[in-house]
Amino acid sequence: MEITWNDFKKIDIRVGTILTAENFKEAHCPAYKLTIDFGEIGILKSSAQITEIYESKNLIGLQILAVVNFPKKQIANFMSDCLVLGLVGGNAGVVLVSPDKKVENGIKLA
């Protein structure tokens, strides 16, 4: 399905740094509850099914990309503010999308 440039411009993808990552015991599928600092946008939360290849302690300080302008979504007893982006496929599980160099939190993907 093809989209237009204007469609793409509606998606607000920003870089943020993971501050906390804890097991999401109430989720149906294994997941972490993430707290992410997006700079000027503030601190947002997300549920991420990334437990297959990431340990929670290794996520702290990692910069990731996320869609920050989706409506909030309730997952079990948790409200997710953003959608963390990852690559799905193969046998590796979900691989997070992350800048290869440290940048300022909140910078928008263009």
PDB file of N, CA and C in Angstrom:
ATOM      1  N   MET A   1       0.840  -1.180   0.000  1.00  0.00           N
ATOM      2  CA  MET A   1       0.000   0.000   0.000  1.00  0.00           C
ATOM      3  C   MET A   1       0.884   1.242   0.000  1.00  0.00           C
ATOM      4  N   GLU A   2       0.655   2.092  -0.942  1.00  0.00           N
ATOM      5  CA  GLU A   2       1.421   3.314  -1.086  1.00  0.00           C
ATOM      6  C   GLU A   2       0.805   4.421  -0.241  1.00  0.00           C
ATOM      7  N   ILE A   3       1.661   5.250   0.382  1.00  0.00           N
ATOM      8  CA  ILE A   3       1.169   6.421   1.101  1.00  0.00           C
ATOM      9  C   ILE A   3       1.793   7.664   0.473  1.00  0.00           C
ATOM     10  N   THR A   4       1.234   8.804   0.790  1.00  0.00           N
ATOM     11  CA  THR A   4       1.763  10.057   0.267  1.00  0.00           C
ATOM     12  C   THR A   4       2.757  10.653   1.266  1.00  0.00           C
ATOM     13  N   TRP A   5       3.499  11.634   0.799  1.00  0.00           N
ATOM     14  CA  TRP A   5       4.410  12.346   1.682  1.00  0.00           C
ATOM     15  C   TRP A   5       3.639  12.980   2.837  1.00  0.00           C
ATOM     16  N   ASN A   6       2.455  13.513   2.564  1.00  0.00           N
ATOM     17  CA  ASN A   6       1.640  14.117   3.623  1.00  0.00           C
ATOM     18  C   ASN A   6       1.207  13.076   4.659  1.00  0.00           C
ATOM     19  N   ASP A   7       0.939  11.835   4.218  1.00  0.00           N
ATOM     20  CA  ASP A   7       0.621  10.762   5.170  1.00  0.00           C
ATOM     21  C   ASP A   7       1.811  10.534   6.106  1.00  0.00           C
ATOM     22  N   PHE A   8       3.007  10.429   5.537  1.00  0.00           N
ATOM     23  CA  PHE A   8       4.201  10.173   6.328  1.00  0.00           C
ATOM     24  C   PHE A   8       4.458  11.302   7.316  1.00  0.00           C
ATOM     25  N   LYS A   9       4.241  12.558   6.888  1.00  0.00           N
ATOM     26  CA  LYS A   9       4.491  13.708   7.757  1.00  0.00           C
ATOM     27  C   LYS A   9       3.596  13.716   8.994  1.00  0.00           C
ATOM     28  N   LYS A  10       2.479  13.000   8.951  1.00  0.00           N
ATOM     29  CA  LYS A  10       1.575  12.942  10.106  1.00  0.00           C
ATOM     30  C   LYS A  10       2.140  12.090  11.242  1.00  0.00           C
ATOM     31  N   ILE A  11       3.068  11.194  10.925  1.00  0.00           N
ATOM     32  CA  ILE A  11       3.633  10.298  11.928  1.00  0.00           C
ATOM     33  C   ILE A  11       4.764  11.022  12.643  1.00  0.00           C
ATOM     34  N   ASP A  12       4.643  11.155  13.963  1.00  0.00           N
ATOM     35  CA  ASP A  12       5.644  11.855  14.769  1.00  0.00           C
ATOM     36  C   ASP A  12       6.536  10.802  15.436  1.00  0.00           C
ATOM     37  N   ILE A  13       7.709  10.573  14.834  1.00  0.00           N
ATOM     38  CA  ILE A  13       8.662   9.593  15.354  1.00  0.00           C
ATOM     39  C   ILE A  13       9.800  10.366  16.005  1.00  0.00           C
ATOM     40  N   ARG A  14      10.043  10.074  17.283  1.00  0.00           N
ATOM     41  CA  ARG A  14      11.059  10.804  18.054  1.00  0.00           C
ATOM     42  C   ARG A  14      12.020   9.828  18.727  1.00  0.00           C
ATOM     43  N   VAL A  15      13.185  10.355  19.084  1.00  0.00           N
ATOM     44  CA  VAL A  15      14.160   9.575  19.834  1.00  0.00           C
ATOM     45  C   VAL A  15      13.972   9.863  21.322  1.00  0.00           C
ATOM     46  N   GLY A  16      14.091   8.809  22.116  1.00  0.00           N
ATOM     47  CA  GLY A  16      14.006   8.945  23.567  1.00  0.00           C
ATOM     48  C   GLY A  16      14.951   7.973  24.241  1.00  0.00           C
ATOM     49  N   THR A  17      15.258   8.259  25.500  1.00  0.00           N
ATOM     50  CA  THR A  17      16.143   7.407  26.293  1.00  0.00           C
ATOM     51  C   THR A  17      15.323   6.651  27.330  1.00  0.00           C
ATOM     52  N   ILE A  18      15.513   5.345  27.375  1.00  0.00           N
ATOM     53  CA  ILE A  18      14.794   4.513  28.342  1.00  0.00           C
ATOM     54  C   ILE A  18      15.350   4.780  29.741  1.00  0.00           C
ATOM     55  N   LEU A  19      14.442   5.175  30.646  1.00  0.00           N
ATOM     56  CA  LEU A  19      14.811   5.466  32.035  1.00  0.00           C
ATOM     57  C   LEU A  19      14.596   4.256  32.938  1.00  0.00           C
ATOM     58  N   THR A  20      13.464   3.559  32.726  1.00  0.00           N
ATOM     59  CA  THR A  20      13.160   2.372  33.536  1.00  0.00           C
ATOM     60  C   THR A  20      12.567   1.296  32.628  1.00  0.00           C
ATOM     61  N   ALA A  21      12.788   0.050  33.031  1.00  0.00           N
ATOM     62  CA  ALA A  21      12.231  -1.100  32.323  1.00  0.00           C
ATOM     63  C   ALA A  21      11.921  -2.155  33.370  1.00  0.00           C
ATOM     64  N   GLU A  22      10.644  -2.495  33.497  1.00  0.00           N
ATOM     65  CA  GLU A  22      10.262  -3.510  34.483  1.00  0.00           C
ATOM     66  C   GLU A  22       9.345  -4.538  33.855  1.00  0.00           C
ATOM     67  N   ASN A  23       9.371  -5.732  34.394  1.00  0.00           N
ATOM     68  CA  ASN A  23       8.516  -6.799  33.878  1.00  0.00           C
ATOM     69  C   ASN A  23       7.057  -6.397  33.987  1.00  0.00           C
ATOM     70  N   PHE A  24       6.288  -6.670  32.948  1.00  0.00           N
ATOM     71  CA  PHE A  24       4.860  -6.369  32.889  1.00  0.00           C
ATOM     72  C   PHE A  24       4.122  -7.686  33.136  1.00  0.00           C
ATOM     73  N   LYS A  25       3.975  -8.032  34.392  1.00  0.00           N
ATOM     74  CA  LYS A  25       3.415  -9.329  34.790  1.00  0.00           C
ATOM     75  C   LYS A  25       1.969  -9.512  34.347  1.00  0.00           C
ATOM     76  N   GLU A  26       1.215  -8.425  34.243  1.00  0.00           N
ATOM     77  CA  GLU A  26      -0.206  -8.512  33.905  1.00  0.00           C
ATOM     78  C   GLU A  26      -0.468  -8.671  32.410  1.00  0.00           C
ATOM     79  N   ALA A  27       0.519  -8.466  31.589  1.00  0.00           N
ATOM     80  CA  ALA A  27       0.351  -8.561  30.128  1.00  0.00           C
ATOM     81  C   ALA A  27       0.158 -10.018  29.715  1.00  0.00           C
ATOM     82  N   HIS A  28      -0.637 -10.225  28.656  1.00  0.00           N
ATOM     83  CA  HIS A  28      -0.877 -11.578  28.150  1.00  0.00           C
ATOM     84  C   HIS A  28       0.384 -12.182  27.541  1.00  0.00           C
ATOM     85  N   CYS A  29       1.144 -11.370  26.809  1.00  0.00           N
ATOM     86  CA  CYS A  29       2.407 -11.812  26.218  1.00  0.00           C
ATOM     87  C   CYS A  29       3.545 -11.186  27.020  1.00  0.00           C
ATOM     88  N   PRO A  30       4.685 -11.860  27.141  1.00  0.00           N
ATOM     89  CA  PRO A  30       5.805 -11.287  27.895  1.00  0.00           C
ATOM     90  C   PRO A  30       6.177  -9.899  27.370  1.00  0.00           C
ATOM     91  N   ALA A  31       6.295  -8.946  28.289  1.00  0.00           N
ATOM     92  CA  ALA A  31       6.572  -7.561  27.904  1.00  0.00           C
ATOM     93  C   ALA A  31       7.229  -6.819  29.062  1.00  0.00           C
ATOM     94  N   TYR A  32       7.770  -5.651  28.736  1.00  0.00           N
ATOM     95  CA  TYR A  32       8.292  -4.727  29.734  1.00  0.00           C
ATOM     96  C   TYR A  32       7.440  -3.467  29.740  1.00  0.00           C
ATOM     97  N   LYS A  33       7.340  -2.833  30.896  1.00  0.00           N
ATOM     98  CA  LYS A  33       6.805  -1.481  31.026  1.00  0.00           C
ATOM     99  C   LYS A  33       8.017  -0.561  30.948  1.00  0.00           C
ATOM    100  N   LEU A  34       8.020   0.320  29.959  1.00  0.00           N
ATOM    101  CA  LEU A  34       9.134   1.239  29.775  1.00  0.00           C
ATOM    102  C   LEU A  34       8.721   2.657  30.126  1.00  0.00           C
ATOM    103  N   THR A  35       9.627   3.399  30.748  1.00  0.00           N
ATOM    104  CA  THR A  35       9.489   4.835  30.942  1.00  0.00           C
ATOM    105  C   THR A  35      10.596   5.473  30.118  1.00  0.00           C
ATOM    106  N   ILE A  36      10.208   6.408  29.226  1.00  0.00           N
ATOM    107  CA  ILE A  36      11.140   6.929  28.226  1.00  0.00           C
ATOM    108  C   ILE A  36      11.146   8.456  28.265  1.00  0.00           C
ATOM    109  N   ASP A  37      12.342   9.042  28.271  1.00  0.00           N
ATOM    110  CA  ASP A  37      12.508  10.497  28.268  1.00  0.00           C
ATOM    111  C   ASP A  37      12.618  10.982  26.824  1.00  0.00           C
ATOM    112  N   PHE A  38      11.620  11.787  26.407  1.00  0.00           N
ATOM    113  CA  PHE A  38      11.604  12.362  25.059  1.00  0.00           C
ATOM    114  C   PHE A  38      11.927  13.851  25.071  1.00  0.00           C
ATOM    115  N   GLY A  39      12.726  14.292  26.006  1.00  0.00           N
ATOM    116  CA  GLY A  39      13.165  15.691  26.047  1.00  0.00           C
ATOM    117  C   GLY A  39      12.004  16.647  26.198  1.00  0.00           C
ATOM    118  N   GLU A  40      11.860  17.582  25.247  1.00  0.00           N
ATOM    119  CA  GLU A  40      10.834  18.631  25.316  1.00  0.00           C
ATOM    120  C   GLU A  40       9.415  18.075  25.356  1.00  0.00           C
ATOM    121  N   ILE A  41       9.194  16.871  24.836  1.00  0.00           N
ATOM    122  CA  ILE A  41       7.860  16.252  24.857  1.00  0.00           C
ATOM    123  C   ILE A  41       7.525  15.743  26.250  1.00  0.00           C
ATOM    124  N   GLY A  42       8.547  15.350  26.997  1.00  0.00           N
ATOM    125  CA  GLY A  42       8.360  14.852  28.349  1.00  0.00           C
ATOM    126  C   GLY A  42       8.640  13.366  28.460  1.00  0.00           C
ATOM    127  N   ILE A  43       8.204  12.805  29.567  1.00  0.00           N
ATOM    128  CA  ILE A  43       8.414  11.386  29.858  1.00  0.00           C
ATOM    129  C   ILE A  43       7.138  10.638  29.480  1.00  0.00           C
ATOM    130  N   LEU A  44       7.293   9.626  28.643  1.00  0.00           N
ATOM    131  CA  LEU A  44       6.162   8.812  28.207  1.00  0.00           C
ATOM    132  C   LEU A  44       6.401   7.365  28.594  1.00  0.00           C
ATOM    133  N   LYS A  45       5.306   6.601  28.649  1.00  0.00           N
ATOM    134  CA  LYS A  45       5.383   5.180  28.994  1.00  0.00           C
ATOM    135  C   LYS A  45       4.953   4.333  27.806  1.00  0.00           C
ATOM    136  N   SER A  46       5.499   3.128  27.754  1.00  0.00           N
ATOM    137  CA  SER A  46       5.139   2.211  26.684  1.00  0.00           C
ATOM    138  C   SER A  46       5.267   0.776  27.178  1.00  0.00           C
ATOM    139  N   SER A  47       4.434  -0.087  26.630  1.00  0.00           N
ATOM    140  CA  SER A  47       4.569  -1.522  26.840  1.00  0.00           C
ATOM    141  C   SER A  47       5.261  -2.080  25.605  1.00  0.00           C
ATOM    142  N   ALA A  48       6.304  -2.885  25.817  1.00  0.00           N
ATOM    143  CA  ALA A  48       7.062  -3.402  24.681  1.00  0.00           C
ATOM    144  C   ALA A  48       7.323  -4.894  24.843  1.00  0.00           C
ATOM    145  N   GLN A  49       6.948  -5.652  23.829  1.00  0.00           N
ATOM    146  CA  GLN A  49       7.171  -7.098  23.826  1.00  0.00           C
ATOM    147  C   GLN A  49       8.563  -7.387  23.266  1.00  0.00           C
ATOM    148  N   ILE A  50       9.567  -7.101  24.078  1.00  0.00           N
ATOM    149  CA  ILE A  50      10.957  -7.219  23.645  1.00  0.00           C
ATOM    150  C   ILE A  50      11.763  -8.096  24.602  1.00  0.00           C
ATOM    151  N   THR A  51      11.081  -8.942  25.364  1.00  0.00           N
ATOM    152  CA  THR A  51      11.754  -9.735  26.397  1.00  0.00           C
ATOM    153  C   THR A  51      12.594 -10.879  25.847  1.00  0.00           C
ATOM    154  N   GLU A  52      12.367 -11.254  24.596  1.00  0.00           N
ATOM    155  CA  GLU A  52      13.098 -12.388  24.020  1.00  0.00           C
ATOM    156  C   GLU A  52      14.596 -12.151  23.942  1.00  0.00           C
ATOM    157  N   ILE A  53      14.994 -10.941  23.564  1.00  0.00           N
ATOM    158  CA  ILE A  53      16.433 -10.702  23.398  1.00  0.00           C
ATOM    159  C   ILE A  53      16.981  -9.587  24.279  1.00  0.00           C
ATOM    160  N   TYR A  54      16.120  -8.888  25.023  1.00  0.00           N
ATOM    161  CA  TYR A  54      16.592  -7.801  25.879  1.00  0.00           C
ATOM    162  C   TYR A  54      16.310  -8.113  27.342  1.00  0.00           C
ATOM    163  N   GLU A  55      17.318  -7.898  28.186  1.00  0.00           N
ATOM    164  CA  GLU A  55      17.126  -7.955  29.636  1.00  0.00           C
ATOM    165  C   GLU A  55      16.823  -6.531  30.093  1.00  0.00           C
ATOM    166  N   SER A  56      15.917  -6.411  31.052  1.00  0.00           N
ATOM    167  CA  SER A  56      15.483  -5.079  31.479  1.00  0.00           C
ATOM    168  C   SER A  56      16.654  -4.201  31.911  1.00  0.00           C
ATOM    169  N   LYS A  57      17.614  -4.751  32.619  1.00  0.00           N
ATOM    170  CA  LYS A  57      18.741  -3.948  33.111  1.00  0.00           C
ATOM    171  C   LYS A  57      19.592  -3.379  31.967  1.00  0.00           C
ATOM    172  N   ASN A  58      19.619  -4.057  30.824  1.00  0.00           N
ATOM    173  CA  ASN A  58      20.418  -3.594  29.684  1.00  0.00           C
ATOM    174  C   ASN A  58      19.702  -2.533  28.846  1.00  0.00           C
ATOM    175  N   LEU A  59      18.426  -2.310  29.117  1.00  0.00           N
ATOM    176  CA  LEU A  59      17.665  -1.306  28.367  1.00  0.00           C
ATOM    177  C   LEU A  59      17.858   0.104  28.916  1.00  0.00           C
ATOM    178  N   ILE A  60      18.209   0.211  30.198  1.00  0.00           N
ATOM    179  CA  ILE A  60      18.345   1.518  30.836  1.00  0.00           C
ATOM    180  C   ILE A  60      19.452   2.314  30.127  1.00  0.00           C
ATOM    181  N   GLY A  61      19.110   3.533  29.697  1.00  0.00           N
ATOM    182  CA  GLY A  61      20.061   4.403  29.016  1.00  0.00           C
ATOM    183  C   GLY A  61      20.088   4.237  27.506  1.00  0.00           C
ATOM    184  N   LEU A  62      19.396   3.229  26.988  1.00  0.00           N
ATOM    185  CA  LEU A  62      19.366   2.994  25.541  1.00  0.00           C
ATOM    186  C   LEU A  62      18.449   4.009  24.865  1.00  0.00           C
ATOM    187  N   GLN A  63      18.923   4.602  23.790  1.00  0.00           N
ATOM    188  CA  GLN A  63      18.072   5.491  22.998  1.00  0.00           C
ATOM    189  C   GLN A  63      17.329   4.663  21.954  1.00  0.00           C
ATOM    190  N   ILE A  64      16.044   4.946  21.818  1.00  0.00           N
ATOM    191  CA  ILE A  64      15.177   4.217  20.885  1.00  0.00           C
ATOM    192  C   ILE A  64      14.328   5.212  20.102  1.00  0.00           C
ATOM    193  N   LEU A  65      13.678   4.720  19.049  1.00  0.00           N
ATOM    194  CA  LEU A  65      12.719   5.525  18.293  1.00  0.00           C
ATOM    195  C   LEU A  65      11.319   5.041  18.621  1.00  0.00           C
ATOM    196  N   ALA A  66      10.379   5.991  18.676  1.00  0.00           N
ATOM    197  CA  ALA A  66       8.992   5.656  18.980  1.00  0.00           C
ATOM    198  C   ALA A  66       8.050   6.636  18.299  1.00  0.00           C
ATOM    199  N   VAL A  67       6.850   6.154  17.979  1.00  0.00           N
ATOM    200  CA  VAL A  67       5.779   7.015  17.484  1.00  0.00           C
ATOM    201  C   VAL A  67       5.121   7.624  18.717  1.00  0.00           C
ATOM    202  N   VAL A  68       5.102   8.951  18.786  1.00  0.00           N
ATOM    203  CA  VAL A  68       4.600   9.622  19.984  1.00  0.00           C
ATOM    204  C   VAL A  68       3.234  10.285  19.793  1.00  0.00           C
ATOM    205  N   ASN A  69       2.641  10.152  18.612  1.00  0.00           N
ATOM    206  CA  ASN A  69       1.348  10.821  18.399  1.00  0.00           C
ATOM    207  C   ASN A  69       0.198   9.858  18.114  1.00  0.00           C
ATOM    208  N   PHE A  70       0.334   8.605  18.522  1.00  0.00           N
ATOM    209  CA  PHE A  70      -0.818   7.698  18.518  1.00  0.00           C
ATOM    210  C   PHE A  70      -1.676   8.011  19.741  1.00  0.00           C
ATOM    211  N   PRO A  71      -2.969   7.683  19.693  1.00  0.00           N
ATOM    212  CA  PRO A  71      -3.773   7.815  20.914  1.00  0.00           C
ATOM    213  C   PRO A  71      -3.238   6.859  21.978  1.00  0.00           C
ATOM    214  N   LYS A  72      -3.423   7.223  23.240  1.00  0.00           N
ATOM    215  CA  LYS A  72      -3.024   6.340  24.333  1.00  0.00           C
ATOM    216  C   LYS A  72      -3.785   5.028  24.224  1.00  0.00           C
ATOM    217  N   LYS A  73      -3.145   3.948  24.671  1.00  0.00           N
ATOM    218  CA  LYS A  73      -3.767   2.631  24.588  1.00  0.00           C
ATOM    219  C   LYS A  73      -3.617   1.913  25.922  1.00  0.00           C
ATOM    220  N   GLN A  74      -4.737   1.419  26.434  1.00  0.00           N
ATOM    221  CA  GLN A  74      -4.674   0.667  27.684  1.00  0.00           C
ATOM    222  C   GLN A  74      -4.345  -0.789  27.392  1.00  0.00           C
ATOM    223  N   ILE A  75      -3.322  -1.284  28.064  1.00  0.00           N
ATOM    224  CA  ILE A  75      -2.902  -2.675  27.945  1.00  0.00           C
ATOM    225  C   ILE A  75      -2.928  -3.239  29.363  1.00  0.00           C
ATOM    226  N   ALA A  76      -3.873  -4.151  29.617  1.00  0.00           N
ATOM    227  CA  ALA A  76      -4.121  -4.663  30.968  1.00  0.00           C
ATOM    228  C   ALA A  76      -4.372  -3.460  31.882  1.00  0.00           C
ATOM    229  N   ASN A  77      -3.571  -3.303  32.936  1.00  0.00           N
ATOM    230  CA  ASN A  77      -3.775  -2.201  33.878  1.00  0.00           C
ATOM    231  C   ASN A  77      -2.803  -1.046  33.636  1.00  0.00           C
ATOM    232  N   PHE A  78      -2.277  -0.937  32.424  1.00  0.00           N
ATOM    233  CA  PHE A  78      -1.218   0.017  32.094  1.00  0.00           C
ATOM    234  C   PHE A  78      -1.634   0.861  30.891  1.00  0.00           C
ATOM    235  N   MET A  79      -1.374   2.169  30.958  1.00  0.00           N
ATOM    236  CA  MET A  79      -1.684   3.063  29.843  1.00  0.00           C
ATOM    237  C   MET A  79      -0.399   3.351  29.066  1.00  0.00           C
ATOM    238  N   SER A  80      -0.389   2.944  27.798  1.00  0.00           N
ATOM    239  CA  SER A  80       0.771   3.144  26.926  1.00  0.00           C
ATOM    240  C   SER A  80       0.596   4.456  26.174  1.00  0.00           C
ATOM    241  N   ASP A  81       1.620   5.331  26.259  1.00  0.00           N
ATOM    242  CA  ASP A  81       1.573   6.662  25.648  1.00  0.00           C
ATOM    243  C   ASP A  81       2.182   6.710  24.255  1.00  0.00           C
ATOM    244  N   CYS A  82       3.019   5.738  23.914  1.00  0.00           N
ATOM    245  CA  CYS A  82       3.739   5.781  22.644  1.00  0.00           C
ATOM    246  C   CYS A  82       4.002   4.362  22.168  1.00  0.00           C
ATOM    247  N   LEU A  83       4.408   4.240  20.902  1.00  0.00           N
ATOM    248  CA  LEU A  83       4.704   2.935  20.302  1.00  0.00           C
ATOM    249  C   LEU A  83       6.197   2.865  19.997  1.00  0.00           C
ATOM    250  N   VAL A  84       6.894   2.030  20.754  1.00  0.00           N
ATOM    251  CA  VAL A  84       8.320   1.813  20.533  1.00  0.00           C
ATOM    252  C   VAL A  84       8.476   1.035  19.231  1.00  0.00           C
ATOM    253  N   LEU A  85       9.413   1.465  18.389  1.00  0.00           N
ATOM    254  CA  LEU A  85       9.593   0.836  17.083  1.00  0.00           C
ATOM    255  C   LEU A  85      10.634  -0.277  17.139  1.00  0.00           C
ATOM    256  N   GLY A  86      10.299  -1.388  16.481  1.00  0.00           N
ATOM    257  CA  GLY A  86      11.217  -2.510  16.433  1.00  0.00           C
ATOM    258  C   GLY A  86      11.072  -3.251  15.120  1.00  0.00           C
ATOM    259  N   LEU A  87      12.083  -4.023  14.827  1.00  0.00           N
ATOM    260  CA  LEU A  87      12.095  -4.843  13.617  1.00  0.00           C
ATOM    261  C   LEU A  87      11.697  -6.257  14.000  1.00  0.00           C
ATOM    262  N   VAL A  88      10.713  -6.811  13.284  1.00  0.00           N
ATOM    263  CA  VAL A  88      10.174  -8.122  13.603  1.00  0.00           C
ATOM    264  C   VAL A  88      10.475  -9.068  12.453  1.00  0.00           C
ATOM    265  N   GLY A  89      10.899 -10.265  12.790  1.00  0.00           N
ATOM    266  CA  GLY A  89      11.155 -11.255  11.747  1.00  0.00           C
ATOM    267  C   GLY A  89      12.353 -12.104  12.088  1.00  0.00           C
ATOM    268  N   GLY A  90      12.467 -13.187  11.399  1.00  0.00           N
ATOM    269  CA  GLY A  90      13.567 -14.095  11.679  1.00  0.00           C
ATOM    270  C   GLY A  90      13.375 -14.751  13.031  1.00  0.00           C
ATOM    271  N   ASN A  91      14.445 -15.239  13.595  1.00  0.00           N
ATOM    272  CA  ASN A  91      14.374 -15.939  14.877  1.00  0.00           C
ATOM    273  C   ASN A  91      14.864 -15.095  16.037  1.00  0.00           C
ATOM    274  N   ALA A  92      15.205 -13.849  15.777  1.00  0.00           N
ATOM    275  CA  ALA A  92      15.832 -13.019  16.801  1.00  0.00           C
ATOM    276  C   ALA A  92      14.839 -12.366  17.756  1.00  0.00           C
ATOM    277  N   GLY A  93      13.549 -12.395  17.483  1.00  0.00           N
ATOM    278  CA  GLY A  93      12.605 -11.621  18.275  1.00  0.00           C
ATOM    279  C   GLY A  93      12.575 -10.194  17.768  1.00  0.00           C
ATOM    280  N   VAL A  94      12.045  -9.287  18.563  1.00  0.00           N
ATOM    281  CA  VAL A  94      11.946  -7.881  18.162  1.00  0.00           C
ATOM    282  C   VAL A  94      13.267  -7.179  18.459  1.00  0.00           C
ATOM    283  N   VAL A  95      13.815  -6.514  17.442  1.00  0.00           N
ATOM    284  CA  VAL A  95      15.049  -5.737  17.584  1.00  0.00           C
ATOM    285  C   VAL A  95      14.663  -4.264  17.566  1.00  0.00           C
ATOM    286  N   LEU A  96      15.012  -3.530  18.617  1.00  0.00           N
ATOM    287  CA  LEU A  96      14.657  -2.122  18.722  1.00  0.00           C
ATOM    288  C   LEU A  96      15.361  -1.280  17.663  1.00  0.00           C
ATOM    289  N   VAL A  97      14.660  -0.246  17.199  1.00  0.00           N
ATOM    290  CA  VAL A  97      15.238   0.723  16.276  1.00  0.00           C
ATOM    291  C   VAL A  97      15.892   1.802  17.135  1.00  0.00           C
ATOM    292  N   SER A  98      17.172   2.027  16.890  1.00  0.00           N
ATOM    293  CA  SER A  98      17.949   2.901  17.752  1.00  0.00           C
ATOM    294  C   SER A  98      18.980   3.671  16.922  1.00  0.00           C
ATOM    295  N   PRO A  99      19.236   4.957  17.267  1.00  0.00           N
ATOM    296  CA  PRO A  99      20.287   5.673  16.539  1.00  0.00           C
ATOM    297  C   PRO A  99      21.656   5.064  16.861  1.00  0.00           C
ATOM    298  N   ASP A 100      22.569   5.127  15.908  1.00  0.00           N
ATOM    299  CA  ASP A 100      23.895   4.543  16.149  1.00  0.00           C
ATOM    300  C   ASP A 100      24.827   5.497  16.889  1.00  0.00           C
ATOM    301  N   LYS A 101      24.407   6.754  17.065  1.00  0.00           N
ATOM    302  CA  LYS A 101      25.149   7.734  17.856  1.00  0.00           C
ATOM    303  C   LYS A 101      24.161   8.430  18.788  1.00  0.00           C
ATOM    304  N   LYS A 102      24.651   8.837  19.958  1.00  0.00           N
ATOM    305  CA  LYS A 102      23.790   9.512  20.919  1.00  0.00           C
ATOM    306  C   LYS A 102      23.370  10.873  20.366  1.00  0.00           C
ATOM    307  N   VAL A 103      22.059  11.147  20.464  1.00  0.00           N
ATOM    308  CA  VAL A 103      21.501  12.432  20.036  1.00  0.00           C
ATOM    309  C   VAL A 103      20.624  12.987  21.143  1.00  0.00           C
ATOM    310  N   GLU A 104      20.191  14.200  20.965  1.00  0.00           N
ATOM    311  CA  GLU A 104      19.336  14.852  21.950  1.00  0.00           C
ATOM    312  C   GLU A 104      17.968  14.182  21.976  1.00  0.00           C
ATOM    313  N   ASN A 105      17.463  13.906  23.173  1.00  0.00           N
ATOM    314  CA  ASN A 105      16.120  13.323  23.310  1.00  0.00           C
ATOM    315  C   ASN A 105      15.085  14.264  22.716  1.00  0.00           C
ATOM    316  N   GLY A 106      14.110  13.680  22.024  1.00  0.00           N
ATOM    317  CA  GLY A 106      13.019  14.457  21.438  1.00  0.00           C
ATOM    318  C   GLY A 106      13.217  14.823  19.984  1.00  0.00           C
ATOM    319  N   ILE A 107      14.421  14.596  19.447  1.00  0.00           N
ATOM    320  CA  ILE A 107      14.656  14.915  18.034  1.00  0.00           C
ATOM    321  C   ILE A 107      13.720  14.071  17.172  1.00  0.00           C
ATOM    322  N   LYS A 108      13.151  14.717  16.170  1.00  0.00           N
ATOM    323  CA  LYS A 108      12.169  14.074  15.285  1.00  0.00           C
ATOM    324  C   LYS A 108      12.856  13.429  14.096  1.00  0.00           C
ATOM    325  N   LEU A 109      12.384  12.237  13.754  1.00  0.00           N
ATOM    326  CA  LEU A 109      12.825  11.576  12.519  1.00  0.00           C
ATOM    327  C   LEU A 109      12.261  12.352  11.345  1.00  0.00           C
ATOM    328  N   ALA A 110      13.104  12.660  10.393  1.00  0.00           N
ATOM    329  CA  ALA A 110      12.645  13.434   9.237  1.00  0.00           C
ATOM    330  C   ALA A 110      12.847  12.652   7.960  1.00  0.00           C
TER     331      ALA A 110
END
